[in-house]
Amino acid sequence: MTEKYAIGVDYGTESGRAVLVALSDGRELEEHVTPYPHGVIDNKLPVSGIKLDHEWALQHPGDYIEVLKKSVPAVLKRSGVAPQDVIGLGIDFTACTMLPIDADGDPLSFHPELQDNPHSWVKLWKHHAAQKEANQLNEIASARGEAFLSRYGGKISSEWMIAKAWQILNEAPDIYDKADKFVEAADWVVSKMTNTFVRNSCTAGYKAMWHKQEGYPDKEFFRALDPRLADLTDTKLKGKVEPLGSKAGVLSEEMAALTGLCTGTSIAVGNVDAHASVPAIGVVSPGKMVMAMGTSICHMLLGTEEKDIEGMCGVVEDGIIPGYYGYEAGQSAVGDIFAWYVKEGVPAYVQETAEKEGMNVHQWLEKEASKYKPGETGLLALDWWNGNRSVLVDTQLSGLLIGATLQTKPEEIYRALLESTAFGTRKIIEAFHNNDISVDELYACGGLPQKNKLLMQIYADVTNRTITLADSKHTPAVGAAMFGAVAAGKQNAGFSNIVEAANKMARVKEEKIFPIPKNVEVYERLFKEYEKLHDYFGRGQNNIMKELKSLRENIQI
């Protein structure tokens, strides 16, 4: 029998990647990356050059189609795999990455007369300019005793669909009126491939307050937010919500010509990048927390019942693996923190020394930081350089480094930043344990585990848990490909469900990372100090971080 394949397309923050995967064993035959031509738009709009305010992060929807146009044909060509042997395609996406579209399914930013309005463009996941709306939403939902709020840890994020839609209504009512729908970028790309629009249950559940049993919150809640929002779910959020693994449709003739695949290839409903990683790393049962580690971290855990956990990004029935409640938490910057420090905070001699030793700056800093024992730097940091996603759900918080002296070296600061992110993950684990949900071991995937051994040892030591690593650099894409194979179905040489696909295709490394007892002991002491800082600056005892942001914004006005 001829080998069959699926393609997973992973849409990240800066680029998109297509990976061709064998269904027999999960082998990754080829991968191809297409950087987004317009990148992250956080300074000024393309063409017009209109300047954006602080906390804005946009993208160009055309960049997503460019990924299909370049990367899918590239993996087919390089592999030599015949298009007819590719039975399905799935995509995963950063979320909530949303955009307004017209009745024909075209982004409003494609309309020449609307291009100068920032609200017509894609709002990337890390667009935080809807914080005012998120604050109001949380206050009103709390005052009304809305039951849905507890499913999201007590707070709805400014990164999510409703806050972003409300910001559009408040700041650009003409764009709001012209929008036929507000959609996740994942669902928009799938609709472009299939000429059929459906919403996926993962982003609807985690990012738009949709519930499998109850649907969206009722109209009275939206009316309480703003009378103009009363019909939001019937109008701007209309569209059937389909579960993960469903077939959204089949590849159109136009998109078959663009990608080199066959017309009629099965296309899965969209998914969230981190969530797609869970089956790809072989996790299909509770007790195992998956950390998708890159610019940020998304933490995913399966449970057998729906519980209210502080600061969770959400708990969604069938949200990750059918038959379980999927819990999501996260840290809004991890790799981004290390990248910021290397770019903005490292002296020139580090760059020069690293080059002489044939390393990049990250590698050199990791090497030097590895020479220190836990606690030896005398430093402690809070990991809020891009706000706090869990457990405080507050994008207005900012970073903190304490303990620095005139003798502090760059590698010591680098180690403190690595440790701070591990403490943030430990805080999330504690929130689960305080609610009797077990986190017995950790699984890690994404770019960071591949690059930084010190980081992973620190995570094992800080959390006192064994870590299993994905045997793939492209876990989200492999997971997306799995869902593509499930969409194709058993009758087309695919799979009946995602558990069956995971049993065949998931791959992990044999080597595990174990906590070192003497390091665990020191980090227990440091974590107690981290918690004190966490609560002091994060729970309202000292609002200096917010005051500083307010001062900056007011001075610029």
Protein backbone atom coordinates (compact mmCIF):
# COMPACT_ATOMS: atom_id res chain seq x y z
CA MET A 1 0.00 0.00 0.00
CA THR A 2 1.29 3.47 -0.91
CA GLU A 3 2.42 5.60 2.04
CA LYS A 4 0.00 8.43 2.83
CA TYR A 5 0.78 11.86 4.21
CA ALA A 6 -0.74 14.96 5.74
CA ILE A 7 0.46 18.54 5.84
CA GLY A 8 0.37 20.75 8.91
CA VAL A 9 0.67 24.52 8.50
CA ASP A 10 1.78 26.31 11.65
CA TYR A 11 1.08 30.05 11.69
CA GLY A 12 3.34 31.76 14.22
CA THR A 13 3.97 35.35 15.23
CA GLU A 14 6.63 36.14 12.62
CA SER A 15 6.25 33.41 10.00
CA GLY A 16 4.31 30.40 8.79
CA ARG A 17 5.66 26.89 8.35
CA ALA A 18 4.41 23.90 6.36
CA VAL A 19 5.48 20.41 7.44
CA LEU A 20 4.86 17.22 5.46
CA VAL A 21 4.28 14.27 7.80
CA ALA A 22 4.04 10.52 7.19
CA LEU A 23 0.94 8.95 8.72
CA SER A 24 2.63 5.62 9.46
CA ASP A 25 5.03 6.93 12.11
CA GLY A 26 4.92 10.75 12.28
CA ARG A 27 8.17 11.23 10.36
CA GLU A 28 8.63 14.80 9.17
CA LEU A 29 9.77 14.53 5.58
CA GLU A 30 10.10 18.19 4.74
CA GLU A 31 9.43 21.61 6.19
CA HIS A 32 9.47 25.08 4.72
CA VAL A 33 9.21 28.48 6.42
CA THR A 34 7.77 31.64 4.87
CA PRO A 35 8.50 34.82 6.85
CA TYR A 36 5.54 37.18 6.81
CA PRO A 37 6.42 39.94 4.31
CA HIS A 38 4.89 42.56 6.63
CA GLY A 39 5.98 40.95 9.90
CA VAL A 40 4.35 42.25 13.07
CA ILE A 41 2.88 45.69 12.44
CA ASP A 42 3.36 47.50 15.75
CA ASN A 43 4.81 50.85 14.76
CA LYS A 44 3.04 52.16 11.67
CA LEU A 45 0.62 50.93 9.00
CA PRO A 46 1.91 49.73 5.62
CA VAL A 47 1.58 52.19 2.72
CA SER A 48 0.07 55.10 4.66
CA GLY A 49 2.65 55.06 7.46
CA ILE A 50 0.00 56.02 10.02
CA LYS A 51 1.57 55.64 13.46
CA LEU A 52 0.15 53.13 15.92
CA ASP A 53 -0.29 53.71 19.64
CA HIS A 54 1.36 51.72 22.40
CA GLU A 55 0.18 48.14 22.93
CA TRP A 56 -0.93 47.71 19.29
CA ALA A 57 0.10 44.63 17.30
CA LEU A 58 -1.38 44.03 13.83
CA GLN A 59 -0.73 41.82 10.82
CA HIS A 60 -1.45 41.72 7.10
CA PRO A 61 -3.90 38.91 6.20
CA GLY A 62 -2.34 38.52 2.78
CA ASP A 63 0.80 37.22 4.48
CA TYR A 64 -1.09 34.11 5.58
CA ILE A 65 -2.02 33.20 2.00
CA GLU A 66 1.60 33.77 1.02
CA VAL A 67 2.56 30.92 3.37
CA LEU A 68 0.23 28.53 1.52
CA LYS A 69 1.50 29.77 -1.82
CA LYS A 70 5.19 29.29 -1.01
CA SER A 71 5.58 26.70 1.72
CA VAL A 72 3.11 24.01 0.65
CA PRO A 73 4.48 23.66 -2.92
CA ALA A 74 8.00 23.73 -1.47
CA VAL A 75 7.49 20.68 0.78
CA LEU A 76 5.86 18.78 -2.06
CA LYS A 77 8.69 19.57 -4.45
CA ARG A 78 11.50 18.82 -2.00
CA SER A 79 9.98 15.54 -0.83
CA GLY A 80 8.92 14.22 -4.21
CA VAL A 81 5.63 13.13 -2.64
CA ALA A 82 2.76 12.98 -5.14
CA PRO A 83 -0.07 15.41 -4.32
CA GLN A 84 -2.63 12.58 -4.48
CA ASP A 85 -0.86 10.87 -1.57
CA VAL A 86 -1.49 13.87 0.69
CA ILE A 87 -4.91 13.02 2.15
CA GLY A 88 -5.44 15.97 4.48
CA LEU A 89 -4.23 19.34 5.66
CA GLY A 90 -4.69 21.05 9.01
CA ILE A 91 -3.58 24.43 10.30
CA ASP A 92 -2.83 25.89 13.69
CA PHE A 93 -2.61 29.57 14.58
CA THR A 94 -1.71 32.03 17.28
CA ALA A 95 -4.87 33.08 19.10
CA CYS A 96 -6.74 35.22 19.59
CA THR A 97 -5.64 36.65 16.25
CA MET A 98 -8.78 38.20 14.79
CA LEU A 99 -9.93 40.31 11.89
CA PRO A 100 -13.10 41.90 10.50
CA ILE A 101 -14.31 40.53 7.15
CA ASP A 102 -17.02 41.56 4.71
CA ALA A 103 -19.92 39.44 3.45
CA ASP A 104 -17.70 37.97 0.71
CA GLY A 105 -15.18 36.82 3.29
CA ASP A 106 -12.56 39.45 2.40
CA PRO A 107 -10.67 41.32 5.14
CA LEU A 108 -11.73 44.94 5.50
CA SER A 109 -8.07 45.93 5.25
CA PHE A 110 -8.24 44.79 1.61
CA HIS A 111 -10.68 47.65 0.92
CA PRO A 112 -8.56 50.60 -0.31
CA GLU A 113 -10.79 53.17 1.40
CA LEU A 114 -10.39 51.40 4.78
CA GLN A 115 -6.65 50.66 4.73
CA ASP A 116 -5.77 53.79 6.67
CA ASN A 117 -7.88 52.70 9.62
CA PRO A 118 -5.85 50.44 11.95
CA HIS A 119 -9.04 48.69 13.08
CA SER A 120 -9.56 47.18 9.61
CA TRP A 121 -6.41 45.08 9.99
CA VAL A 122 -5.71 41.78 11.76
CA LYS A 123 -5.31 42.21 15.52
CA LEU A 124 -2.51 39.85 16.49
CA TRP A 125 -2.73 37.78 19.68
CA LYS A 126 -0.42 40.18 21.52
CA HIS A 127 -2.45 43.28 20.68
CA HIS A 128 -3.11 44.66 24.19
CA ALA A 129 -4.76 47.97 23.32
CA ALA A 130 -8.20 46.65 24.34
CA GLN A 131 -7.29 46.54 28.02
CA LYS A 132 -9.83 49.26 28.88
CA GLU A 133 -12.58 47.16 27.34
CA ALA A 134 -11.34 44.03 29.10
CA ASN A 135 -11.38 45.83 32.45
CA GLN A 136 -14.95 47.03 31.92
CA LEU A 137 -16.06 43.59 30.75
CA ASN A 138 -14.63 41.96 33.85
CA GLU A 139 -16.15 44.53 36.20
CA ILE A 140 -19.61 44.17 34.67
CA ALA A 141 -19.44 40.37 34.45
CA SER A 142 -18.33 40.17 38.08
CA ALA A 143 -21.02 42.58 39.27
CA ARG A 144 -23.68 40.57 37.43
CA GLY A 145 -22.38 37.27 38.81
CA GLU A 146 -21.90 35.84 35.32
CA ALA A 147 -21.18 32.12 35.66
CA PHE A 148 -18.94 31.99 32.58
CA LEU A 149 -16.32 34.22 34.23
CA SER A 150 -15.10 31.50 36.56
CA ARG A 151 -14.29 29.25 33.60
CA TYR A 152 -11.64 31.79 32.60
CA GLY A 153 -10.02 32.16 36.00
CA GLY A 154 -12.14 35.17 36.92
CA LYS A 155 -10.90 37.48 34.17
CA ILE A 156 -11.29 37.82 30.42
CA SER A 157 -8.09 38.93 28.69
CA SER A 158 -7.62 41.96 26.48
CA GLU A 159 -6.04 39.54 23.99
CA TRP A 160 -9.36 37.81 23.36
CA MET A 161 -12.17 38.24 20.87
CA ILE A 162 -14.82 40.19 22.79
CA ALA A 163 -12.49 42.87 24.16
CA LYS A 164 -10.98 43.39 20.71
CA ALA A 165 -14.41 43.57 19.03
CA TRP A 166 -15.59 46.08 21.63
CA GLN A 167 -12.48 48.20 21.06
CA ILE A 168 -13.36 48.34 17.37
CA LEU A 169 -16.89 49.42 18.23
CA ASN A 170 -15.65 52.13 20.60
CA GLU A 171 -12.86 53.53 18.44
CA ALA A 172 -14.01 52.78 14.88
CA PRO A 173 -17.79 52.28 14.80
CA ASP A 174 -17.77 52.56 11.00
CA ILE A 175 -15.45 49.52 10.80
CA TYR A 176 -17.68 47.68 13.25
CA ASP A 177 -20.73 48.41 11.11
CA LYS A 178 -19.00 47.42 7.86
CA ALA A 179 -17.82 44.07 9.31
CA ASP A 180 -20.04 41.15 8.40
CA LYS A 181 -18.15 39.00 10.91
CA PHE A 182 -15.24 39.09 13.35
CA VAL A 183 -13.25 35.91 12.81
CA GLU A 184 -10.19 34.11 14.05
CA ALA A 185 -7.41 34.18 11.47
CA ALA A 186 -7.34 30.37 11.66
CA ASP A 187 -10.97 30.19 10.57
CA TRP A 188 -10.44 32.80 7.87
CA VAL A 189 -7.55 30.87 6.28
CA VAL A 190 -9.58 27.64 6.35
CA SER A 191 -12.49 29.46 4.72
CA LYS A 192 -10.20 30.71 1.97
CA MET A 193 -9.03 27.14 1.29
CA THR A 194 -12.50 25.59 1.26
CA ASN A 195 -14.93 28.41 0.35
CA THR A 196 -16.80 27.35 3.49
CA PHE A 197 -16.83 29.30 6.74
CA VAL A 198 -16.95 27.48 10.07
CA ARG A 199 -15.61 28.39 13.48
CA ASN A 200 -13.45 25.93 15.38
CA SER A 201 -14.46 24.98 18.91
CA CYS A 202 -10.98 25.53 20.32
CA THR A 203 -10.70 29.26 19.61
CA ALA A 204 -14.42 29.80 20.15
CA GLY A 205 -14.18 28.16 23.56
CA TYR A 206 -10.90 29.59 24.81
CA LYS A 207 -10.95 33.01 23.17
CA ALA A 208 -14.60 33.98 22.55
CA MET A 209 -16.38 32.71 25.70
CA TRP A 210 -18.32 30.02 23.84
CA HIS A 211 -19.40 26.90 25.79
CA LYS A 212 -20.29 23.53 24.29
CA GLN A 213 -23.44 23.20 26.42
CA GLU A 214 -24.47 26.85 26.81
CA GLY A 215 -23.17 28.65 23.72
CA TYR A 216 -22.13 32.29 24.10
CA PRO A 217 -23.17 34.43 27.09
CA ASP A 218 -26.71 35.74 26.71
CA LYS A 219 -27.76 38.97 25.02
CA GLU A 220 -28.52 40.67 28.34
CA PHE A 221 -24.88 40.43 29.30
CA PHE A 222 -23.74 41.99 26.04
CA ARG A 223 -26.42 44.66 26.36
CA ALA A 224 -25.08 45.45 29.83
CA LEU A 225 -21.64 45.97 28.32
CA ASP A 226 -22.97 48.26 25.61
CA PRO A 227 -26.45 48.32 24.04
CA ARG A 228 -24.78 48.28 20.61
CA LEU A 229 -23.31 44.84 21.45
CA ALA A 230 -26.64 43.19 22.24
CA ASP A 231 -26.75 41.25 18.96
CA LEU A 232 -23.00 40.61 18.70
CA THR A 233 -23.21 36.82 18.80
CA ASP A 234 -26.07 36.65 16.28
CA THR A 235 -24.35 38.98 13.85
CA LYS A 236 -20.61 39.51 14.09
CA LEU A 237 -19.93 36.11 15.70
CA LYS A 238 -22.35 34.11 13.61
CA GLY A 239 -21.21 30.84 12.09
CA LYS A 240 -21.41 27.17 13.01
CA VAL A 241 -18.92 26.00 15.65
CA GLU A 242 -17.35 22.66 14.73
CA PRO A 243 -15.27 20.38 17.03
CA LEU A 244 -11.58 19.69 16.51
CA GLY A 245 -10.92 16.94 14.00
CA SER A 246 -13.96 17.89 11.94
CA LYS A 247 -13.63 18.39 8.22
CA ALA A 248 -14.27 22.04 7.41
CA GLY A 249 -14.50 21.21 3.72
CA VAL A 250 -12.27 20.29 0.83
CA LEU A 251 -9.62 22.23 -1.04
CA SER A 252 -11.06 24.41 -3.79
CA GLU A 253 -9.78 24.38 -7.37
CA GLU A 254 -8.30 27.84 -6.95
CA MET A 255 -6.38 26.89 -3.80
CA ALA A 256 -5.33 23.55 -5.29
CA ALA A 257 -3.69 25.50 -8.10
CA LEU A 258 -2.04 27.83 -5.57
CA THR A 259 -0.68 25.06 -3.31
CA GLY A 260 -0.02 22.21 -5.73
CA LEU A 261 -2.34 19.88 -3.80
CA CYS A 262 -5.27 18.02 -5.33
CA THR A 263 -8.72 19.56 -5.51
CA GLY A 264 -10.87 17.86 -2.90
CA THR A 265 -8.12 17.30 -0.32
CA SER A 266 -9.69 17.21 3.17
CA ILE A 267 -9.15 20.36 5.23
CA ALA A 268 -9.56 20.24 9.02
CA VAL A 269 -11.14 23.02 11.05
CA GLY A 270 -8.57 25.39 12.51
CA ASN A 271 -6.79 24.95 15.82
CA VAL A 272 -4.65 26.92 18.26
CA ASP A 273 -0.90 26.39 17.85
CA ALA A 274 -0.18 25.28 21.41
CA HIS A 275 -3.26 23.07 21.65
CA ALA A 276 -2.34 21.20 18.48
CA SER A 277 0.94 20.27 20.17
CA VAL A 278 -0.71 18.15 22.86
CA PRO A 279 -1.54 15.05 20.77
CA ALA A 280 1.65 15.56 18.76
CA ILE A 281 3.68 14.98 21.90
CA GLY A 282 1.56 11.95 22.77
CA VAL A 283 -0.43 13.41 25.66
CA VAL A 284 -4.00 12.12 25.55
CA SER A 285 -4.73 11.65 29.27
CA PRO A 286 -4.72 13.75 32.50
CA GLY A 287 -1.81 14.51 34.86
CA LYS A 288 0.63 15.60 32.15
CA MET A 289 1.12 19.33 31.56
CA VAL A 290 2.27 20.24 28.07
CA MET A 291 4.36 23.41 27.76
CA ALA A 292 4.49 24.86 24.26
CA MET A 293 7.59 26.98 24.70
CA GLY A 294 8.51 29.75 22.31
CA THR A 295 8.12 33.51 22.38
CA SER A 296 5.52 32.81 25.07
CA ILE A 297 4.41 29.62 26.83
CA CYS A 298 1.03 27.99 26.67
CA HIS A 299 0.40 25.40 29.39
CA MET A 300 -2.18 22.70 28.65
CA LEU A 301 -3.61 20.06 30.93
CA LEU A 302 -6.43 17.55 30.60
CA GLY A 303 -9.04 16.94 33.31
CA THR A 304 -12.07 14.77 33.85
CA GLU A 305 -14.28 17.53 35.26
CA GLU A 306 -14.79 21.26 34.89
CA LYS A 307 -13.29 23.21 37.79
CA ASP A 308 -12.72 26.89 38.44
CA ILE A 309 -8.99 27.64 38.53
CA GLU A 310 -7.57 31.09 39.24
CA GLY A 311 -6.16 32.83 36.21
CA MET A 312 -6.75 30.08 33.68
CA CYS A 313 -7.10 31.16 30.09
CA GLY A 314 -10.03 28.78 30.00
CA VAL A 315 -11.42 25.33 30.54
CA VAL A 316 -13.22 23.93 27.49
CA GLU A 317 -14.98 20.62 27.08
CA ASP A 318 -13.30 18.70 24.23
CA GLY A 319 -11.12 21.79 23.79
CA ILE A 320 -7.89 19.83 23.28
CA ILE A 321 -8.65 16.10 23.30
CA PRO A 322 -12.23 14.80 22.87
CA GLY A 323 -13.63 13.30 26.05
CA TYR A 324 -11.68 15.54 28.42
CA TYR A 325 -11.86 19.07 29.71
CA GLY A 326 -8.91 20.99 28.36
CA TYR A 327 -7.32 23.55 30.68
CA GLU A 328 -5.16 26.33 29.29
CA ALA A 329 -2.87 28.70 31.15
CA GLY A 330 0.02 30.74 29.88
CA GLN A 331 2.87 33.20 30.19
CA SER A 332 2.68 36.03 27.68
CA ALA A 333 6.46 36.35 27.26
CA VAL A 334 9.24 33.83 27.71
CA GLY A 335 11.50 33.58 24.67
CA ASP A 336 10.54 37.19 23.95
CA ILE A 337 12.11 38.19 27.30
CA PHE A 338 15.40 36.51 26.47
CA ALA A 339 15.36 38.00 22.95
CA TRP A 340 14.67 41.49 24.33
CA TYR A 341 17.56 41.22 26.76
CA VAL A 342 19.99 40.03 24.10
CA LYS A 343 18.91 42.80 21.73
CA GLU A 344 18.61 45.70 24.15
CA GLY A 345 20.51 44.88 27.34
CA VAL A 346 23.75 43.07 26.49
CA PRO A 347 27.02 45.00 26.19
CA ALA A 348 29.09 44.92 23.01
CA TYR A 349 31.85 42.79 24.51
CA VAL A 350 29.42 39.88 24.88
CA GLN A 351 28.64 39.97 21.16
CA GLU A 352 32.33 40.19 20.31
CA THR A 353 33.32 37.35 22.65
CA ALA A 354 30.50 35.12 21.41
CA GLU A 355 31.58 35.65 17.79
CA LYS A 356 35.20 34.82 18.63
CA GLU A 357 34.06 31.59 20.26
CA GLY A 358 31.84 30.70 17.28
CA MET A 359 28.56 31.12 19.15
CA ASN A 360 25.53 33.35 19.03
CA VAL A 361 24.85 35.57 22.03
CA HIS A 362 22.15 33.27 23.48
CA GLN A 363 24.52 30.28 23.37
CA TRP A 364 27.32 32.22 25.02
CA LEU A 365 25.10 33.57 27.78
CA GLU A 366 23.71 30.09 28.41
CA LYS A 367 27.25 28.68 28.66
CA GLU A 368 28.32 31.34 31.13
CA ALA A 369 25.08 31.25 33.12
CA SER A 370 25.46 27.48 33.51
CA LYS A 371 28.56 28.09 35.65
CA TYR A 372 26.41 29.52 38.45
CA LYS A 373 24.59 27.49 41.07
CA PRO A 374 20.98 28.29 41.95
CA GLY A 375 20.95 31.41 44.14
CA GLU A 376 24.56 32.30 43.35
CA THR A 377 23.72 35.35 41.21
CA GLY A 378 21.91 37.08 44.07
CA LEU A 379 19.21 38.10 41.59
CA LEU A 380 15.48 37.52 41.34
CA ALA A 381 13.14 38.67 38.58
CA LEU A 382 9.43 38.82 37.79
CA ASP A 383 8.54 37.52 34.32
CA TRP A 384 5.99 40.19 33.38
CA TRP A 385 7.86 42.02 30.62
CA ASN A 386 4.79 41.59 28.40
CA GLY A 387 2.22 41.54 31.21
CA ASN A 388 0.90 38.52 33.11
CA ARG A 389 -1.45 36.05 31.43
CA SER A 390 -1.76 33.53 34.28
CA VAL A 391 -2.59 33.63 37.09
CA LEU A 392 -3.13 37.38 37.47
CA VAL A 393 -4.50 38.07 33.97
CA ASP A 394 -3.18 41.63 33.86
CA THR A 395 -1.40 43.04 30.82
CA GLN A 396 -0.63 46.26 32.70
CA LEU A 397 2.01 44.57 34.82
CA SER A 398 5.65 44.88 33.80
CA GLY A 399 9.05 43.34 34.48
CA LEU A 400 11.16 43.54 37.62
CA LEU A 401 14.79 42.68 38.41
CA ILE A 402 15.95 42.86 42.02
CA GLY A 403 19.33 42.30 43.64
CA ALA A 404 21.56 43.86 40.97
CA THR A 405 24.83 45.52 42.02
CA LEU A 406 27.76 47.19 40.29
CA GLN A 407 29.34 43.75 40.03
CA THR A 408 26.36 42.09 38.28
CA LYS A 409 27.29 40.48 34.98
CA PRO A 410 25.11 40.02 31.84
CA GLU A 411 25.09 36.23 32.20
CA GLU A 412 23.81 36.56 35.76
CA ILE A 413 20.89 38.68 34.59
CA TYR A 414 20.27 36.19 31.78
CA ARG A 415 20.10 33.33 34.30
CA ALA A 416 17.73 35.32 36.53
CA LEU A 417 15.42 35.89 33.56
CA LEU A 418 15.45 32.17 32.73
CA GLU A 419 14.62 31.39 36.35
CA SER A 420 11.83 33.96 36.47
CA THR A 421 9.94 32.21 33.69
CA ALA A 422 10.30 28.87 35.48
CA PHE A 423 8.88 30.47 38.64
CA GLY A 424 5.95 31.73 36.55
CA THR A 425 5.25 28.19 35.38
CA ARG A 426 5.54 26.92 38.96
CA LYS A 427 2.92 29.49 40.03
CA ILE A 428 0.54 28.09 37.41
CA ILE A 429 1.15 24.53 38.61
CA GLU A 430 0.38 25.62 42.17
CA ALA A 431 -2.97 27.03 41.02
CA PHE A 432 -3.93 23.61 39.65
CA HIS A 433 -2.79 21.77 42.76
CA ASN A 434 -4.72 24.14 45.02
CA ASN A 435 -7.83 22.89 43.20
CA ASP A 436 -7.01 19.17 43.34
CA ILE A 437 -5.97 18.84 39.70
CA SER A 438 -2.76 16.84 39.44
CA VAL A 439 0.29 17.93 37.47
CA ASP A 440 2.53 14.89 37.84
CA GLU A 441 4.97 15.48 35.00
CA LEU A 442 5.82 18.01 32.34
CA TYR A 443 6.11 17.69 28.57
CA ALA A 444 7.89 20.37 26.58
CA CYS A 445 7.79 21.28 22.91
CA GLY A 446 8.52 24.30 20.75
CA GLY A 447 11.69 26.17 19.89
CA LEU A 448 13.08 26.83 23.38
CA PRO A 449 13.56 23.21 24.56
CA GLN A 450 15.57 22.55 21.41
CA LYS A 451 17.90 25.48 22.03
CA ASN A 452 18.50 25.90 25.75
CA LYS A 453 19.41 22.91 27.96
CA LEU A 454 20.03 25.13 30.98
CA LEU A 455 16.51 26.51 30.73
CA MET A 456 14.98 23.04 30.79
CA GLN A 457 17.09 21.93 33.75
CA ILE A 458 15.98 25.06 35.62
CA TYR A 459 12.33 24.23 34.87
CA ALA A 460 12.80 20.67 36.17
CA ASP A 461 14.50 21.97 39.33
CA VAL A 462 12.05 24.82 40.02
CA THR A 463 8.97 22.64 39.51
CA ASN A 464 10.56 19.45 40.96
CA ARG A 465 9.13 17.45 38.07
CA THR A 466 10.50 15.25 35.30
CA ILE A 467 10.32 16.76 31.82
CA THR A 468 9.79 14.77 28.62
CA LEU A 469 10.82 16.50 25.39
CA ALA A 470 9.12 16.34 22.01
CA ASP A 471 11.18 14.66 19.31
CA SER A 472 10.18 17.33 16.84
CA LYS A 473 11.05 20.95 16.18
CA HIS A 474 7.61 21.50 14.72
CA THR A 475 5.17 19.97 17.18
CA PRO A 476 2.22 22.30 16.45
CA ALA A 477 2.51 21.60 12.72
CA VAL A 478 2.67 17.84 13.34
CA GLY A 479 -0.44 18.12 15.51
CA ALA A 480 -2.18 20.13 12.81
CA ALA A 481 -1.25 17.43 10.29
CA MET A 482 -2.73 14.80 12.63
CA PHE A 483 -6.03 16.67 12.69
CA GLY A 484 -5.84 16.89 8.89
CA ALA A 485 -5.55 13.09 8.79
CA VAL A 486 -8.51 12.78 11.18
CA ALA A 487 -10.54 15.11 8.94
CA ALA A 488 -9.79 12.80 6.00
CA GLY A 489 -11.12 9.85 7.99
CA LYS A 490 -10.38 6.15 8.10
CA GLN A 491 -12.11 5.65 4.76
CA ASN A 492 -9.41 7.77 3.09
CA ALA A 493 -6.44 6.09 4.83
CA GLY A 494 -6.58 8.60 7.69
CA PHE A 495 -7.70 8.12 11.29
CA SER A 496 -11.01 7.78 13.10
CA ASN A 497 -10.00 10.10 15.95
CA ILE A 498 -7.07 12.09 17.33
CA VAL A 499 -6.14 9.49 19.96
CA GLU A 500 -5.65 6.92 17.20
CA ALA A 501 -3.55 9.43 15.27
CA ALA A 502 -1.44 10.22 18.35
CA ASN A 503 -0.76 6.55 19.00
CA LYS A 504 0.71 6.24 15.49
CA MET A 505 2.34 9.60 14.90
CA ALA A 506 3.43 11.17 18.23
CA ARG A 507 7.17 11.13 18.97
CA VAL A 508 9.14 12.01 22.12
CA LYS A 509 12.82 11.76 22.99
CA GLU A 510 14.00 8.86 25.11
CA GLU A 511 16.13 11.15 27.25
CA LYS A 512 14.23 12.87 30.07
CA ILE A 513 15.26 15.79 32.28
CA PHE A 514 15.17 15.00 35.99
CA PRO A 515 15.21 17.51 38.86
CA ILE A 516 18.46 17.74 40.84
CA PRO A 517 17.60 17.48 44.56
CA LYS A 518 20.14 20.05 45.83
CA ASN A 519 18.93 22.56 43.22
CA VAL A 520 15.29 21.87 44.12
CA GLU A 521 16.06 22.78 47.73
CA VAL A 522 17.49 26.20 46.84
CA TYR A 523 14.76 26.97 44.34
CA GLU A 524 12.11 26.22 46.97
CA ARG A 525 13.52 29.13 48.99
CA LEU A 526 13.77 31.40 45.96
CA PHE A 527 10.23 30.56 44.87
CA LYS A 528 8.89 31.71 48.25
CA GLU A 529 10.55 35.09 47.62
CA TYR A 530 9.18 35.13 44.07
CA GLU A 531 5.69 34.59 45.46
CA LYS A 532 6.08 37.55 47.82
CA LEU A 533 7.06 39.83 44.93
CA HIS A 534 4.33 38.30 42.75
CA ASP A 535 1.60 39.14 45.25
CA TYR A 536 3.02 42.50 46.34
CA PHE A 537 3.25 43.94 42.82
CA GLY A 538 0.53 41.84 41.21
CA ARG A 539 -2.38 41.88 43.64
CA GLY A 540 -2.73 45.59 44.29
CA GLN A 541 -0.48 46.20 47.28
CA ASN A 542 1.85 48.29 45.13
CA ASN A 543 0.56 49.55 41.77
CA ILE A 544 3.80 51.24 40.73
CA MET A 545 3.97 49.31 37.43
CA LYS A 546 0.58 50.64 36.36
CA GLU A 547 1.39 54.13 37.62
CA LEU A 548 4.54 54.24 35.50
CA LYS A 549 2.63 53.13 32.40
CA SER A 550 -0.04 55.74 33.04
CA LEU A 551 2.58 58.46 33.49
CA ARG A 552 4.27 57.53 30.21
CA GLU A 553 1.00 57.58 28.29
CA ASN A 554 -0.17 60.88 29.77
CA ILE A 555 3.13 62.63 29.09
CA GLN A 556 3.03 61.55 25.45
CA ILE A 557 -0.53 62.85 25.10
